[in-house]
Amino acid sequence: MSLETLAPASDLGTDDFDEAVLDALAAADYRFKVWGGDWCVDCQQQLPAFGAALAAAGVPDDRIEAFPVTKGPNGKEGPQVEAYDIDLIPTVVVETPDGEEVARFVEEANVTIAEFIARQLADIEVSA
């Protein structure tokens, strides 16, 4: 099963994103783990723009893992759901190449997923 909603929105390109956001996404060889469901309205609304931001930032496909989630009788079900404590979708976890979690987006915010993640990553750079 794939996560089709993560496919980049065709109407968004590099010029549609803040340069600082793209720089943050492209920095440090971060790994992006994305949980969502093609049936989920929040995912349908948010993930295509996030996919486009990752593409505009030049993040290679081998650093993006998509985990399709289904609705089960006891909540969300799918790969790594329990290991990463996934309750709401979309959820995006950003890890260093060593597997350390450095940022997490869960379901919604007052900015896009890309902006939210970029702010968290910028905080890491400032405190480092």
C-alpha atoms as a PDB file:
ATOM      1  CA  MET A   1       0.000   0.000   0.000  1.00  0.00           C
ATOM      2  CA  SER A   2       1.280   3.488  -0.797  1.00  0.00           C
ATOM      3  CA  LEU A   3       0.540   6.951   0.507  1.00  0.00           C
ATOM      4  CA  GLU A   4      -0.653   8.756  -2.619  1.00  0.00           C
ATOM      5  CA  THR A   5      -1.490  11.993  -0.782  1.00  0.00           C
ATOM      6  CA  LEU A   6       2.242  12.563  -0.187  1.00  0.00           C
ATOM      7  CA  ALA A   7       2.786  12.961  -3.941  1.00  0.00           C
ATOM      8  CA  PRO A   8       3.864  16.586  -4.546  1.00  0.00           C
ATOM      9  CA  ALA A   9       1.081  18.990  -5.475  1.00  0.00           C
ATOM     10  CA  SER A  10       1.574  19.741  -9.170  1.00  0.00           C
ATOM     11  CA  ASP A  11       0.643  23.411  -8.753  1.00  0.00           C
ATOM     12  CA  LEU A  12       3.435  24.156  -6.246  1.00  0.00           C
ATOM     13  CA  GLY A  13       7.101  24.745  -7.048  1.00  0.00           C
ATOM     14  CA  THR A  14      10.233  26.210  -5.541  1.00  0.00           C
ATOM     15  CA  ASP A  15       8.943  29.791  -5.837  1.00  0.00           C
ATOM     16  CA  ASP A  16       5.906  28.943  -3.693  1.00  0.00           C
ATOM     17  CA  PHE A  17       7.991  28.269  -0.572  1.00  0.00           C
ATOM     18  CA  ASP A  18      10.045  30.484   1.696  1.00  0.00           C
ATOM     19  CA  GLU A  19      13.751  29.950   1.059  1.00  0.00           C
ATOM     20  CA  ALA A  20      14.432  29.477   4.782  1.00  0.00           C
ATOM     21  CA  VAL A  21      11.873  26.656   4.907  1.00  0.00           C
ATOM     22  CA  LEU A  22      13.471  24.885   1.948  1.00  0.00           C
ATOM     23  CA  ASP A  23      16.952  25.352   3.430  1.00  0.00           C
ATOM     24  CA  ALA A  24      15.818  23.853   6.755  1.00  0.00           C
ATOM     25  CA  LEU A  25      14.248  20.824   5.071  1.00  0.00           C
ATOM     26  CA  ALA A  26      17.363  20.219   2.963  1.00  0.00           C
ATOM     27  CA  ALA A  27      19.873  20.599   5.809  1.00  0.00           C
ATOM     28  CA  ALA A  28      21.790  17.905   7.679  1.00  0.00           C
ATOM     29  CA  ASP A  29      20.594  14.882   5.692  1.00  0.00           C
ATOM     30  CA  TYR A  30      17.435  14.692   7.790  1.00  0.00           C
ATOM     31  CA  ARG A  31      15.147  11.679   7.348  1.00  0.00           C
ATOM     32  CA  PHE A  32      11.413  12.318   7.049  1.00  0.00           C
ATOM     33  CA  LYS A  33       8.942   9.684   8.237  1.00  0.00           C
ATOM     34  CA  VAL A  34       5.362  10.458   7.247  1.00  0.00           C
ATOM     35  CA  TRP A  35       2.229   8.700   8.499  1.00  0.00           C
ATOM     36  CA  GLY A  36      -1.061   9.395   6.789  1.00  0.00           C
ATOM     37  CA  GLY A  37      -4.057   7.897   5.073  1.00  0.00           C
ATOM     38  CA  ASP A  38      -5.388   8.608   1.620  1.00  0.00           C
ATOM     39  CA  TRP A  39      -8.862   8.416   3.214  1.00  0.00           C
ATOM     40  CA  CYS A  40      -8.007  11.165   5.751  1.00  0.00           C
ATOM     41  CA  VAL A  41      -9.256  14.684   4.950  1.00  0.00           C
ATOM     42  CA  ASP A  42      -6.441  16.371   6.919  1.00  0.00           C
ATOM     43  CA  CYS A  43      -3.886  14.298   4.987  1.00  0.00           C
ATOM     44  CA  GLN A  44      -5.542  15.110   1.655  1.00  0.00           C
ATOM     45  CA  GLN A  45      -5.338  18.816   2.487  1.00  0.00           C
ATOM     46  CA  GLN A  46      -1.816  18.952   3.929  1.00  0.00           C
ATOM     47  CA  LEU A  47       0.397  16.200   2.552  1.00  0.00           C
ATOM     48  CA  PRO A  48       0.484  17.227  -1.148  1.00  0.00           C
ATOM     49  CA  ALA A  49       1.920  20.634  -0.170  1.00  0.00           C
ATOM     50  CA  PHE A  50       4.440  18.969   2.149  1.00  0.00           C
ATOM     51  CA  GLY A  51       5.440  16.581  -0.627  1.00  0.00           C
ATOM     52  CA  ALA A  52       5.929  19.591  -2.910  1.00  0.00           C
ATOM     53  CA  ALA A  53       8.050  21.344  -0.261  1.00  0.00           C
ATOM     54  CA  LEU A  54      10.279  18.285   0.109  1.00  0.00           C
ATOM     55  CA  ALA A  55      10.649  18.115  -3.673  1.00  0.00           C
ATOM     56  CA  ALA A  56      11.389  21.848  -3.933  1.00  0.00           C
ATOM     57  CA  ALA A  57      14.013  21.482  -1.194  1.00  0.00           C
ATOM     58  CA  GLY A  58      15.644  18.696  -3.177  1.00  0.00           C
ATOM     59  CA  VAL A  59      15.177  16.071  -0.466  1.00  0.00           C
ATOM     60  CA  PRO A  60      15.928  12.738  -2.161  1.00  0.00           C
ATOM     61  CA  ASP A  61      13.300  10.015  -2.088  1.00  0.00           C
ATOM     62  CA  ASP A  62      15.579   7.720  -0.096  1.00  0.00           C
ATOM     63  CA  ARG A  63      15.313  10.119   2.861  1.00  0.00           C
ATOM     64  CA  ILE A  64      11.489  10.071   2.858  1.00  0.00           C
ATOM     65  CA  GLU A  65       9.533   7.130   4.252  1.00  0.00           C
ATOM     66  CA  ALA A  66       5.768   7.013   3.841  1.00  0.00           C
ATOM     67  CA  PHE A  67       3.699   4.875   6.186  1.00  0.00           C
ATOM     68  CA  PRO A  68       0.067   4.334   5.124  1.00  0.00           C
ATOM     69  CA  VAL A  69      -2.317   4.202   8.065  1.00  0.00           C
ATOM     70  CA  THR A  70      -5.728   2.568   8.263  1.00  0.00           C
ATOM     71  CA  LYS A  71      -8.530   2.866  10.787  1.00  0.00           C
ATOM     72  CA  GLY A  72      -8.687  -0.152  13.034  1.00  0.00           C
ATOM     73  CA  PRO A  73     -11.085  -1.142  15.803  1.00  0.00           C
ATOM     74  CA  ASN A  74      -8.628   0.189  18.410  1.00  0.00           C
ATOM     75  CA  GLY A  75      -7.342   3.259  16.569  1.00  0.00           C
ATOM     76  CA  LYS A  76      -4.753   3.829  13.871  1.00  0.00           C
ATOM     77  CA  GLU A  77      -3.024   0.789  12.393  1.00  0.00           C
ATOM     78  CA  GLY A  78      -0.048   0.492  10.095  1.00  0.00           C
ATOM     79  CA  PRO A  79       3.724   0.170   9.911  1.00  0.00           C
ATOM     80  CA  GLN A  80       5.611   1.608  12.885  1.00  0.00           C
ATOM     81  CA  VAL A  81       2.425   3.145  14.396  1.00  0.00           C
ATOM     82  CA  GLU A  82       3.087   1.672  17.833  1.00  0.00           C
ATOM     83  CA  ALA A  83       6.855   2.184  17.736  1.00  0.00           C
ATOM     84  CA  TYR A  84       6.419   5.913  17.038  1.00  0.00           C
ATOM     85  CA  ASP A  85       3.259   6.378  19.146  1.00  0.00           C
ATOM     86  CA  ILE A  86       1.121   7.566  16.226  1.00  0.00           C
ATOM     87  CA  ASP A  87      -2.405   8.532  17.312  1.00  0.00           C
ATOM     88  CA  LEU A  88      -3.301  11.334  14.886  1.00  0.00           C
ATOM     89  CA  ILE A  89      -2.501  11.838  11.217  1.00  0.00           C
ATOM     90  CA  PRO A  90      -0.842  13.304   9.385  1.00  0.00           C
ATOM     91  CA  THR A  91       2.227  12.869  11.571  1.00  0.00           C
ATOM     92  CA  VAL A  92       5.720  13.720  10.356  1.00  0.00           C
ATOM     93  CA  VAL A  93       8.794  12.701  12.336  1.00  0.00           C
ATOM     94  CA  VAL A  94      12.179  14.126  11.382  1.00  0.00           C
ATOM     95  CA  GLU A  95      15.272  12.191  12.387  1.00  0.00           C
ATOM     96  CA  THR A  96      18.990  12.697  12.050  1.00  0.00           C
ATOM     97  CA  PRO A  97      20.906  10.126   9.984  1.00  0.00           C
ATOM     98  CA  ASP A  98      21.669   8.418  13.324  1.00  0.00           C
ATOM     99  CA  GLY A  99      17.955   7.978  14.077  1.00  0.00           C
ATOM    100  CA  GLU A 100      17.557  10.717  16.697  1.00  0.00           C
ATOM    101  CA  GLU A 101      14.137  12.391  16.527  1.00  0.00           C
ATOM    102  CA  VAL A 102      14.609  16.148  16.193  1.00  0.00           C
ATOM    103  CA  ALA A 103      11.168  17.383  15.085  1.00  0.00           C
ATOM    104  CA  ARG A 104       7.565  16.192  14.999  1.00  0.00           C
ATOM    105  CA  PHE A 105       4.379  17.511  13.415  1.00  0.00           C
ATOM    106  CA  VAL A 106       1.057  16.019  14.548  1.00  0.00           C
ATOM    107  CA  GLU A 107      -2.227  16.541  12.666  1.00  0.00           C
ATOM    108  CA  GLU A 108      -2.526  20.326  12.413  1.00  0.00           C
ATOM    109  CA  ALA A 109      -0.968  23.684  13.196  1.00  0.00           C
ATOM    110  CA  ASN A 110      -1.533  27.314  12.301  1.00  0.00           C
ATOM    111  CA  VAL A 111       1.121  26.985   9.550  1.00  0.00           C
ATOM    112  CA  THR A 112       1.942  24.372   6.914  1.00  0.00           C
ATOM    113  CA  ILE A 113       3.729  21.155   7.822  1.00  0.00           C
ATOM    114  CA  ALA A 114       6.876  22.406   6.068  1.00  0.00           C
ATOM    115  CA  GLU A 115       6.872  25.699   8.001  1.00  0.00           C
ATOM    116  CA  PHE A 116       6.186  23.948  11.315  1.00  0.00           C
ATOM    117  CA  ILE A 117       9.018  21.464  10.796  1.00  0.00           C
ATOM    118  CA  ALA A 118      11.382  24.210   9.561  1.00  0.00           C
ATOM    119  CA  ARG A 119      10.758  26.245  12.734  1.00  0.00           C
ATOM    120  CA  GLN A 120      11.574  23.242  14.916  1.00  0.00           C
ATOM    121  CA  LEU A 121      14.723  22.541  12.930  1.00  0.00           C
ATOM    122  CA  ALA A 122      15.745  26.215  13.119  1.00  0.00           C
ATOM    123  CA  ASP A 123      15.420  26.043  16.922  1.00  0.00           C
ATOM    124  CA  ILE A 124      17.906  23.138  16.900  1.00  0.00           C
ATOM    125  CA  GLU A 125      20.396  25.145  14.849  1.00  0.00           C
ATOM    126  CA  VAL A 126      20.069  28.155  17.176  1.00  0.00           C
ATOM    127  CA  SER A 127      20.601  26.105  20.331  1.00  0.00           C
ATOM    128  CA  ALA A 128      23.514  24.117  18.871  1.00  0.00           C
END
